[in-house]
Amino acid sequence: RQKRMLAIKKFRKAQRRLIYARAQAYHKEYRH
């Protein structure tokens, strides 16, 4: 269970980074 939770935590952290990067790119596009 601990191993699975660690993997989920790692995946969610990567997802948050990706979502933040996308949001920044969209903000740039709208401003342009």
PDB file of all heavy atoms in Angstrom:
ATOM      1  N   ARG A   1       0.828  -1.209   0.000  1.00  0.00           N
ATOM      2  CA  ARG A   1       0.000   0.000   0.000  1.00  0.00           C
ATOM      3  C   ARG A   1       0.862   1.259   0.000  1.00  0.00           C
ATOM      4  O   ARG A   1       0.594   2.221  -0.721  1.00  0.00           O
ATOM      5  CB  ARG A   1      -0.934  -0.004   1.213  1.00  0.00           C
ATOM      6  CG  ARG A   1      -2.069   1.028   1.085  1.00  0.00           C
ATOM      7  CD  ARG A   1      -2.797   1.284   2.380  1.00  0.00           C
ATOM      8  NE  ARG A   1      -3.401   0.072   2.909  1.00  0.00           N
ATOM      9  CZ  ARG A   1      -3.300  -0.301   4.174  1.00  0.00           C
ATOM     10  NH1 ARG A   1      -2.582   0.401   5.030  1.00  0.00           N
ATOM     11  NH2 ARG A   1      -3.881  -1.399   4.601  1.00  0.00           N
ATOM     12  N   GLN A   2       1.922   1.231   0.847  1.00  0.00           N
ATOM     13  CA  GLN A   2       2.825   2.386   0.929  1.00  0.00           C
ATOM     14  C   GLN A   2       3.502   2.658  -0.411  1.00  0.00           C
ATOM     15  O   GLN A   2       3.657   3.805  -0.834  1.00  0.00           O
ATOM     16  CB  GLN A   2       3.867   2.155   2.020  1.00  0.00           C
ATOM     17  CG  GLN A   2       3.342   2.443   3.418  1.00  0.00           C
ATOM     18  CD  GLN A   2       4.386   2.202   4.502  1.00  0.00           C
ATOM     19  OE1 GLN A   2       5.308   1.420   4.307  1.00  0.00           O
ATOM     20  NE2 GLN A   2       4.226   2.845   5.641  1.00  0.00           N
ATOM     21  N   LYS A   3       3.897   1.543  -1.067  1.00  0.00           N
ATOM     22  CA  LYS A   3       4.544   1.656  -2.380  1.00  0.00           C
ATOM     23  C   LYS A   3       3.600   2.286  -3.402  1.00  0.00           C
ATOM     24  O   LYS A   3       3.981   3.166  -4.184  1.00  0.00           O
ATOM     25  CB  LYS A   3       4.979   0.253  -2.845  1.00  0.00           C
ATOM     26  CG  LYS A   3       6.038   0.263  -3.930  1.00  0.00           C
ATOM     27  CD  LYS A   3       6.469  -1.157  -4.268  1.00  0.00           C
ATOM     28  CE  LYS A   3       7.499  -1.157  -5.383  1.00  0.00           C
ATOM     29  NZ  LYS A   3       7.876  -2.536  -5.753  1.00  0.00           N
ATOM     30  N   ARG A   4       2.315   1.823  -3.357  1.00  0.00           N
ATOM     31  CA  ARG A   4       1.317   2.348  -4.293  1.00  0.00           C
ATOM     32  C   ARG A   4       1.031   3.827  -4.024  1.00  0.00           C
ATOM     33  O   ARG A   4       0.938   4.631  -4.956  1.00  0.00           O
ATOM     34  CB  ARG A   4       0.025   1.523  -4.178  1.00  0.00           C
ATOM     35  CG  ARG A   4      -0.951   1.793  -5.311  1.00  0.00           C
ATOM     36  CD  ARG A   4      -2.137   0.863  -5.321  1.00  0.00           C
ATOM     37  NE  ARG A   4      -3.068   1.169  -4.240  1.00  0.00           N
ATOM     38  CZ  ARG A   4      -3.353   0.363  -3.240  1.00  0.00           C
ATOM     39  NH1 ARG A   4      -2.796  -0.833  -3.170  1.00  0.00           N
ATOM     40  NH2 ARG A   4      -4.207   0.707  -2.298  1.00  0.00           N
ATOM     41  N   MET A   5       0.922   4.177  -2.732  1.00  0.00           N
ATOM     42  CA  MET A   5       0.644   5.576  -2.358  1.00  0.00           C
ATOM     43  C   MET A   5       1.783   6.495  -2.781  1.00  0.00           C
ATOM     44  O   MET A   5       1.548   7.616  -3.223  1.00  0.00           O
ATOM     45  CB  MET A   5       0.434   5.687  -0.842  1.00  0.00           C
ATOM     46  CG  MET A   5      -0.842   5.049  -0.327  1.00  0.00           C
ATOM     47  SD  MET A   5      -2.350   5.679  -1.074  1.00  0.00           S
ATOM     48  CE  MET A   5      -2.474   7.259  -0.300  1.00  0.00           C
ATOM     49  N   LEU A   6       3.012   5.997  -2.655  1.00  0.00           N
ATOM     50  CA  LEU A   6       4.186   6.776  -3.064  1.00  0.00           C
ATOM     51  C   LEU A   6       4.168   7.021  -4.569  1.00  0.00           C
ATOM     52  O   LEU A   6       4.445   8.137  -5.035  1.00  0.00           O
ATOM     53  CB  LEU A   6       5.463   6.016  -2.662  1.00  0.00           C
ATOM     54  CG  LEU A   6       6.731   6.859  -2.547  1.00  0.00           C
ATOM     55  CD1 LEU A   6       6.636   7.793  -1.352  1.00  0.00           C
ATOM     56  CD2 LEU A   6       7.952   5.967  -2.402  1.00  0.00           C
ATOM     57  N   ALA A   7       3.796   5.968  -5.323  1.00  0.00           N
ATOM     58  CA  ALA A   7       3.712   6.087  -6.786  1.00  0.00           C
ATOM     59  C   ALA A   7       2.630   7.082  -7.191  1.00  0.00           C
ATOM     60  O   ALA A   7       2.836   7.920  -8.087  1.00  0.00           O
ATOM     61  CB  ALA A   7       3.423   4.719  -7.413  1.00  0.00           C
ATOM     62  N   ILE A   8       1.462   7.043  -6.491  1.00  0.00           N
ATOM     63  CA  ILE A   8       0.355   7.973  -6.779  1.00  0.00           C
ATOM     64  C   ILE A   8       0.777   9.410  -6.468  1.00  0.00           C
ATOM     65  O   ILE A   8       0.506  10.330  -7.245  1.00  0.00           O
ATOM     66  CB  ILE A   8      -0.912   7.579  -5.961  1.00  0.00           C
ATOM     67  CG1 ILE A   8      -1.510   6.281  -6.511  1.00  0.00           C
ATOM     68  CG2 ILE A   8      -1.952   8.687  -5.978  1.00  0.00           C
ATOM     69  CD1 ILE A   8      -2.577   5.658  -5.638  1.00  0.00           C
ATOM     70  N   LYS A   9       1.494   9.563  -5.330  1.00  0.00           N
ATOM     71  CA  LYS A   9       1.959  10.894  -4.912  1.00  0.00           C
ATOM     72  C   LYS A   9       2.909  11.485  -5.965  1.00  0.00           C
ATOM     73  O   LYS A   9       2.816  12.664  -6.331  1.00  0.00           O
ATOM     74  CB  LYS A   9       2.662  10.778  -3.560  1.00  0.00           C
ATOM     75  CG  LYS A   9       2.798  12.088  -2.820  1.00  0.00           C
ATOM     76  CD  LYS A   9       3.409  11.875  -1.452  1.00  0.00           C
ATOM     77  CE  LYS A   9       3.631  13.200  -0.748  1.00  0.00           C
ATOM     78  NZ  LYS A   9       4.312  13.034   0.543  1.00  0.00           N
ATOM     79  N   LYS A  10       3.805  10.634  -6.457  1.00  0.00           N
ATOM     80  CA  LYS A  10       4.781  11.045  -7.469  1.00  0.00           C
ATOM     81  C   LYS A  10       4.069  11.458  -8.767  1.00  0.00           C
ATOM     82  O   LYS A  10       4.375  12.493  -9.381  1.00  0.00           O
ATOM     83  CB  LYS A  10       5.719   9.860  -7.747  1.00  0.00           C
ATOM     84  CG  LYS A  10       7.132  10.252  -8.123  1.00  0.00           C
ATOM     85  CD  LYS A  10       8.014   9.018  -8.192  1.00  0.00           C
ATOM     86  CE  LYS A  10       9.449   9.406  -8.470  1.00  0.00           C
ATOM     87  NZ  LYS A  10      10.305   8.213  -8.527  1.00  0.00           N
ATOM     88  N   PHE A  11       3.074  10.632  -9.164  1.00  0.00           N
ATOM     89  CA  PHE A  11       2.315  10.887 -10.392  1.00  0.00           C
ATOM     90  C   PHE A  11       1.542  12.205 -10.289  1.00  0.00           C
ATOM     91  O   PHE A  11       1.535  13.011 -11.224  1.00  0.00           O
ATOM     92  CB  PHE A  11       1.355   9.720 -10.643  1.00  0.00           C
ATOM     93  CG  PHE A  11       0.406   9.943 -11.783  1.00  0.00           C
ATOM     94  CD1 PHE A  11       0.849   9.889 -13.099  1.00  0.00           C
ATOM     95  CD2 PHE A  11      -0.938  10.231 -11.544  1.00  0.00           C
ATOM     96  CE1 PHE A  11      -0.018  10.111 -14.154  1.00  0.00           C
ATOM     97  CE2 PHE A  11      -1.814  10.454 -12.597  1.00  0.00           C
ATOM     98  CZ  PHE A  11      -1.352  10.387 -13.905  1.00  0.00           C
ATOM     99  N   ARG A  12       0.910  12.435  -9.118  1.00  0.00           N
ATOM    100  CA  ARG A  12       0.116  13.655  -8.924  1.00  0.00           C
ATOM    101  C   ARG A  12       0.996  14.898  -8.942  1.00  0.00           C
ATOM    102  O   ARG A  12       0.580  15.944  -9.444  1.00  0.00           O
ATOM    103  CB  ARG A  12      -0.654  13.578  -7.603  1.00  0.00           C
ATOM    104  CG  ARG A  12      -1.889  12.685  -7.723  1.00  0.00           C
ATOM    105  CD  ARG A  12      -2.754  12.755  -6.507  1.00  0.00           C
ATOM    106  NE  ARG A  12      -3.971  11.983  -6.705  1.00  0.00           N
ATOM    107  CZ  ARG A  12      -4.765  11.589  -5.734  1.00  0.00           C
ATOM    108  NH1 ARG A  12      -4.470  11.885  -4.493  1.00  0.00           N
ATOM    109  NH2 ARG A  12      -5.858  10.898  -5.990  1.00  0.00           N
ATOM    110  N   LYS A  13       2.203  14.768  -8.393  1.00  0.00           N
ATOM    111  CA  LYS A  13       3.137  15.903  -8.391  1.00  0.00           C
ATOM    112  C   LYS A  13       3.516  16.264  -9.828  1.00  0.00           C
ATOM    113  O   LYS A  13       3.536  17.446 -10.208  1.00  0.00           O
ATOM    114  CB  LYS A  13       4.387  15.535  -7.583  1.00  0.00           C
ATOM    115  CG  LYS A  13       5.243  16.737  -7.226  1.00  0.00           C
ATOM    116  CD  LYS A  13       6.395  16.358  -6.335  1.00  0.00           C
ATOM    117  CE  LYS A  13       7.203  17.591  -5.941  1.00  0.00           C
ATOM    118  NZ  LYS A  13       8.356  17.236  -5.109  1.00  0.00           N
ATOM    119  N   ALA A  14       3.783  15.234 -10.635  1.00  0.00           N
ATOM    120  CA  ALA A  14       4.125  15.450 -12.049  1.00  0.00           C
ATOM    121  C   ALA A  14       2.942  16.071 -12.799  1.00  0.00           C
ATOM    122  O   ALA A  14       3.124  16.979 -13.625  1.00  0.00           O
ATOM    123  CB  ALA A  14       4.522  14.124 -12.700  1.00  0.00           C
ATOM    124  N   GLN A  15       1.711  15.590 -12.474  1.00  0.00           N
ATOM    125  CA  GLN A  15       0.501  16.124 -13.116  1.00  0.00           C
ATOM    126  C   GLN A  15       0.308  17.604 -12.782  1.00  0.00           C
ATOM    127  O   GLN A  15      -0.043  18.390 -13.666  1.00  0.00           O
ATOM    128  CB  GLN A  15      -0.740  15.351 -12.652  1.00  0.00           C
ATOM    129  CG  GLN A  15      -0.923  14.013 -13.328  1.00  0.00           C
ATOM    130  CD  GLN A  15      -1.247  14.150 -14.803  1.00  0.00           C
ATOM    131  OE1 GLN A  15      -0.372  14.100 -15.660  1.00  0.00           O
ATOM    132  NE2 GLN A  15      -2.493  14.350 -15.111  1.00  0.00           N
ATOM    133  N   ARG A  16       0.541  17.956 -11.497  1.00  0.00           N
ATOM    134  CA  ARG A  16       0.378  19.358 -11.079  1.00  0.00           C
ATOM    135  C   ARG A  16       1.331  20.265 -11.834  1.00  0.00           C
ATOM    136  O   ARG A  16       0.957  21.362 -12.251  1.00  0.00           O
ATOM    137  CB  ARG A  16       0.608  19.492  -9.565  1.00  0.00           C
ATOM    138  CG  ARG A  16      -0.586  19.059  -8.730  1.00  0.00           C
ATOM    139  CD  ARG A  16      -0.545  19.668  -7.336  1.00  0.00           C
ATOM    140  NE  ARG A  16       0.661  19.334  -6.614  1.00  0.00           N
ATOM    141  CZ  ARG A  16       0.827  18.238  -5.882  1.00  0.00           C
ATOM    142  NH1 ARG A  16      -0.150  17.353  -5.791  1.00  0.00           N
ATOM    143  NH2 ARG A  16       1.944  18.015  -5.229  1.00  0.00           N
ATOM    144  N   ARG A  17       2.560  19.789 -12.011  1.00  0.00           N
ATOM    145  CA  ARG A  17       3.559  20.571 -12.767  1.00  0.00           C
ATOM    146  C   ARG A  17       3.104  20.771 -14.209  1.00  0.00           C
ATOM    147  O   ARG A  17       3.212  21.869 -14.772  1.00  0.00           O
ATOM    148  CB  ARG A  17       4.907  19.846 -12.746  1.00  0.00           C
ATOM    149  CG  ARG A  17       5.693  20.104 -11.487  1.00  0.00           C
ATOM    150  CD  ARG A  17       7.136  19.709 -11.656  1.00  0.00           C
ATOM    151  NE  ARG A  17       7.857  19.862 -10.393  1.00  0.00           N
ATOM    152  CZ  ARG A  17       8.763  19.025  -9.948  1.00  0.00           C
ATOM    153  NH1 ARG A  17       9.070  17.946 -10.638  1.00  0.00           N
ATOM    154  NH2 ARG A  17       9.388  19.222  -8.806  1.00  0.00           N
ATOM    155  N   LEU A  18       2.609  19.683 -14.808  1.00  0.00           N
ATOM    156  CA  LEU A  18       2.146  19.728 -16.201  1.00  0.00           C
ATOM    157  C   LEU A  18       0.964  20.688 -16.352  1.00  0.00           C
ATOM    158  O   LEU A  18       0.933  21.513 -17.279  1.00  0.00           O
ATOM    159  CB  LEU A  18       1.745  18.315 -16.651  1.00  0.00           C
ATOM    160  CG  LEU A  18       1.160  18.171 -18.061  1.00  0.00           C
ATOM    161  CD1 LEU A  18       2.187  18.562 -19.115  1.00  0.00           C
ATOM    162  CD2 LEU A  18       0.684  16.743 -18.304  1.00  0.00           C
ATOM    163  N   ILE A  19       0.007  20.607 -15.421  1.00  0.00           N
ATOM    164  CA  ILE A  19      -1.181  21.475 -15.469  1.00  0.00           C
ATOM    165  C   ILE A  19      -0.784  22.940 -15.325  1.00  0.00           C
ATOM    166  O   ILE A  19      -1.290  23.801 -16.050  1.00  0.00           O
ATOM    167  CB  ILE A  19      -2.189  21.052 -14.362  1.00  0.00           C
ATOM    168  CG1 ILE A  19      -2.854  19.727 -14.756  1.00  0.00           C
ATOM    169  CG2 ILE A  19      -3.239  22.114 -14.112  1.00  0.00           C
ATOM    170  CD1 ILE A  19      -3.592  19.033 -13.610  1.00  0.00           C
ATOM    171  N   TYR A  20       0.157  23.206 -14.410  1.00  0.00           N
ATOM    172  CA  TYR A  20       0.627  24.583 -14.202  1.00  0.00           C
ATOM    173  C   TYR A  20       1.303  25.123 -15.471  1.00  0.00           C
ATOM    174  O   TYR A  20       1.057  26.266 -15.885  1.00  0.00           O
ATOM    175  CB  TYR A  20       1.595  24.622 -13.017  1.00  0.00           C
ATOM    176  CG  TYR A  20       2.092  26.009 -12.688  1.00  0.00           C
ATOM    177  CD1 TYR A  20       1.245  26.945 -12.114  1.00  0.00           C
ATOM    178  CD2 TYR A  20       3.412  26.387 -12.964  1.00  0.00           C
ATOM    179  CE1 TYR A  20       1.688  28.224 -11.814  1.00  0.00           C
ATOM    180  CE2 TYR A  20       3.865  27.660 -12.671  1.00  0.00           C
ATOM    181  CZ  TYR A  20       3.006  28.576 -12.092  1.00  0.00           C
ATOM    182  OH  TYR A  20       3.435  29.839 -11.807  1.00  0.00           O
ATOM    183  N   ALA A  21       2.118  24.272 -16.094  1.00  0.00           N
ATOM    184  CA  ALA A  21       2.813  24.682 -17.327  1.00  0.00           C
ATOM    185  C   ALA A  21       1.808  24.974 -18.437  1.00  0.00           C
ATOM    186  O   ALA A  21       1.944  25.955 -19.185  1.00  0.00           O
ATOM    187  CB  ALA A  21       3.779  23.579 -17.763  1.00  0.00           C
ATOM    188  N   ARG A  22       0.776  24.126 -18.543  1.00  0.00           N
ATOM    189  CA  ARG A  22      -0.257  24.341 -19.565  1.00  0.00           C
ATOM    190  C   ARG A  22      -1.016  25.641 -19.319  1.00  0.00           C
ATOM    191  O   ARG A  22      -1.296  26.389 -20.255  1.00  0.00           O
ATOM    192  CB  ARG A  22      -1.244  23.165 -19.557  1.00  0.00           C
ATOM    193  CG  ARG A  22      -0.719  21.942 -20.266  1.00  0.00           C
ATOM    194  CD  ARG A  22      -1.842  20.960 -20.521  1.00  0.00           C
ATOM    195  NE  ARG A  22      -1.346  19.750 -21.146  1.00  0.00           N
ATOM    196  CZ  ARG A  22      -2.135  18.790 -21.608  1.00  0.00           C
ATOM    197  NH1 ARG A  22      -3.442  18.901 -21.512  1.00  0.00           N
ATOM    198  NH2 ARG A  22      -1.625  17.723 -22.178  1.00  0.00           N
ATOM    199  N   ALA A  23      -1.372  25.875 -18.045  1.00  0.00           N
ATOM    200  CA  ALA A  23      -2.114  27.099 -17.697  1.00  0.00           C
ATOM    201  C   ALA A  23      -1.308  28.340 -18.074  1.00  0.00           C
ATOM    202  O   ALA A  23      -1.857  29.309 -18.615  1.00  0.00           O
ATOM    203  CB  ALA A  23      -2.440  27.101 -16.205  1.00  0.00           C
ATOM    204  N   GLN A  24       0.009  28.286 -17.820  1.00  0.00           N
ATOM    205  CA  GLN A  24       0.890  29.409 -18.180  1.00  0.00           C
ATOM    206  C   GLN A  24       0.907  29.628 -19.692  1.00  0.00           C
ATOM    207  O   GLN A  24       0.818  30.762 -20.172  1.00  0.00           O
ATOM    208  CB  GLN A  24       2.309  29.124 -17.692  1.00  0.00           C
ATOM    209  CG  GLN A  24       2.571  29.597 -16.276  1.00  0.00           C
ATOM    210  CD  GLN A  24       4.051  29.488 -15.918  1.00  0.00           C
ATOM    211  OE1 GLN A  24       4.714  28.528 -16.292  1.00  0.00           O
ATOM    212  NE2 GLN A  24       4.572  30.443 -15.194  1.00  0.00           N
ATOM    213  N   ALA A  25       1.011  28.525 -20.445  1.00  0.00           N
ATOM    214  CA  ALA A  25       1.047  28.601 -21.911  1.00  0.00           C
ATOM    215  C   ALA A  25      -0.258  29.183 -22.455  1.00  0.00           C
ATOM    216  O   ALA A  25      -0.244  30.017 -23.373  1.00  0.00           O
ATOM    217  CB  ALA A  25       1.290  27.213 -22.494  1.00  0.00           C
ATOM    218  N   TYR A  26      -1.385  28.756 -21.865  1.00  0.00           N
ATOM    219  CA  TYR A  26      -2.689  29.277 -22.317  1.00  0.00           C
ATOM    220  C   TYR A  26      -2.818  30.762 -22.014  1.00  0.00           C
ATOM    221  O   TYR A  26      -3.325  31.530 -22.835  1.00  0.00           O
ATOM    222  CB  TYR A  26      -3.841  28.515 -21.642  1.00  0.00           C
ATOM    223  CG  TYR A  26      -3.965  27.067 -22.054  1.00  0.00           C
ATOM    224  CD1 TYR A  26      -4.440  26.106 -21.166  1.00  0.00           C
ATOM    225  CD2 TYR A  26      -3.600  26.640 -23.332  1.00  0.00           C
ATOM    226  CE1 TYR A  26      -4.549  24.778 -21.537  1.00  0.00           C
ATOM    227  CE2 TYR A  26      -3.700  25.312 -23.699  1.00  0.00           C
ATOM    228  CZ  TYR A  26      -4.174  24.387 -22.800  1.00  0.00           C
ATOM    229  OH  TYR A  26      -4.283  23.072 -23.165  1.00  0.00           O
ATOM    230  N   HIS A  27      -2.335  31.172 -20.834  1.00  0.00           N
ATOM    231  CA  HIS A  27      -2.391  32.592 -20.454  1.00  0.00           C
ATOM    232  C   HIS A  27      -1.611  33.435 -21.460  1.00  0.00           C
ATOM    233  O   HIS A  27      -2.071  34.496 -21.891  1.00  0.00           O
ATOM    234  CB  HIS A  27      -1.812  32.762 -19.043  1.00  0.00           C
ATOM    235  CG  HIS A  27      -1.774  34.183 -18.583  1.00  0.00           C
ATOM    236  ND1 HIS A  27      -2.918  34.903 -18.312  1.00  0.00           N
ATOM    237  CD2 HIS A  27      -0.734  35.028 -18.369  1.00  0.00           C
ATOM    238  CE1 HIS A  27      -2.578  36.131 -17.956  1.00  0.00           C
ATOM    239  NE2 HIS A  27      -1.263  36.220 -17.974  1.00  0.00           N
ATOM    240  N   LYS A  28      -0.457  32.932 -21.855  1.00  0.00           N
ATOM    241  CA  LYS A  28       0.392  33.609 -22.848  1.00  0.00           C
ATOM    242  C   LYS A  28      -0.345  33.724 -24.189  1.00  0.00           C
ATOM    243  O   LYS A  28      -0.333  34.772 -24.847  1.00  0.00           O
ATOM    244  CB  LYS A  28       1.675  32.779 -23.026  1.00  0.00           C
ATOM    245  CG  LYS A  28       2.936  33.607 -23.201  1.00  0.00           C
ATOM    246  CD  LYS A  28       4.132  32.681 -23.242  1.00  0.00           C
ATOM    247  CE  LYS A  28       5.380  33.399 -22.771  1.00  0.00           C
ATOM    248  NZ  LYS A  28       6.524  32.495 -22.696  1.00  0.00           N
ATOM    249  N   GLU A  29      -0.987  32.611 -24.573  1.00  0.00           N
ATOM    250  CA  GLU A  29      -1.709  32.565 -25.852  1.00  0.00           C
ATOM    251  C   GLU A  29      -2.875  33.557 -25.866  1.00  0.00           C
ATOM    252  O   GLU A  29      -3.064  34.286 -26.844  1.00  0.00           O
ATOM    253  CB  GLU A  29      -2.255  31.144 -26.071  1.00  0.00           C
ATOM    254  CG  GLU A  29      -2.885  30.934 -27.432  1.00  0.00           C
ATOM    255  CD  GLU A  29      -3.520  29.560 -27.567  1.00  0.00           C
ATOM    256  OE1 GLU A  29      -3.041  28.596 -26.930  1.00  0.00           O
ATOM    257  OE2 GLU A  29      -4.513  29.455 -28.302  1.00  0.00           O
ATOM    258  N   TYR A  30      -3.643  33.622 -24.761  1.00  0.00           N
ATOM    259  CA  TYR A  30      -4.789  34.543 -24.683  1.00  0.00           C
ATOM    260  C   TYR A  30      -4.310  35.993 -24.753  1.00  0.00           C
ATOM    261  O   TYR A  30      -4.920  36.821 -25.429  1.00  0.00           O
ATOM    262  CB  TYR A  30      -5.574  34.343 -23.374  1.00  0.00           C
ATOM    263  CG  TYR A  30      -6.171  32.971 -23.184  1.00  0.00           C
ATOM    264  CD1 TYR A  30      -6.199  32.362 -21.924  1.00  0.00           C
ATOM    265  CD2 TYR A  30      -6.716  32.258 -24.248  1.00  0.00           C
ATOM    266  CE1 TYR A  30      -6.741  31.106 -21.730  1.00  0.00           C
ATOM    267  CE2 TYR A  30      -7.260  30.987 -24.063  1.00  0.00           C
ATOM    268  CZ  TYR A  30      -7.260  30.417 -22.805  1.00  0.00           C
ATOM    269  OH  TYR A  30      -7.802  29.177 -22.622  1.00  0.00           O
ATOM    270  N   ARG A  31      -3.202  36.266 -24.050  1.00  0.00           N
ATOM    271  CA  ARG A  31      -2.672  37.634 -24.043  1.00  0.00           C
ATOM    272  C   ARG A  31      -2.204  38.033 -25.435  1.00  0.00           C
ATOM    273  O   ARG A  31      -2.442  39.153 -25.887  1.00  0.00           O
ATOM    274  CB  ARG A  31      -1.506  37.719 -23.032  1.00  0.00           C
ATOM    275  CG  ARG A  31      -1.130  39.155 -22.688  1.00  0.00           C
ATOM    276  CD  ARG A  31      -0.131  39.207 -21.573  1.00  0.00           C
ATOM    277  NE  ARG A  31       1.064  38.423 -21.891  1.00  0.00           N
ATOM    278  CZ  ARG A  31       1.956  38.021 -21.004  1.00  0.00           C
ATOM    279  NH1 ARG A  31       1.789  38.303 -19.738  1.00  0.00           N
ATOM    280  NH2 ARG A  31       3.019  37.329 -21.356  1.00  0.00           N
ATOM    281  N   HIS A  32      -1.565  37.067 -26.134  1.00  0.00           N
ATOM    282  CA  HIS A  32      -1.088  37.324 -27.495  1.00  0.00           C
ATOM    283  C   HIS A  32      -2.270  37.611 -28.421  1.00  0.00           C
ATOM    284  O   HIS A  32      -2.214  38.541 -29.251  1.00  0.00           O
ATOM    285  CB  HIS A  32      -0.301  36.117 -28.019  1.00  0.00           C
ATOM    286  CG  HIS A  32       0.135  36.254 -29.442  1.00  0.00           C
ATOM    287  ND1 HIS A  32       1.146  37.128 -29.821  1.00  0.00           N
ATOM    288  CD2 HIS A  32      -0.304  35.660 -30.593  1.00  0.00           C
ATOM    289  CE1 HIS A  32       1.303  37.060 -31.133  1.00  0.00           C
ATOM    290  NE2 HIS A  32       0.433  36.182 -31.621  1.00  0.00           N
TER     291      HIS A  32
END
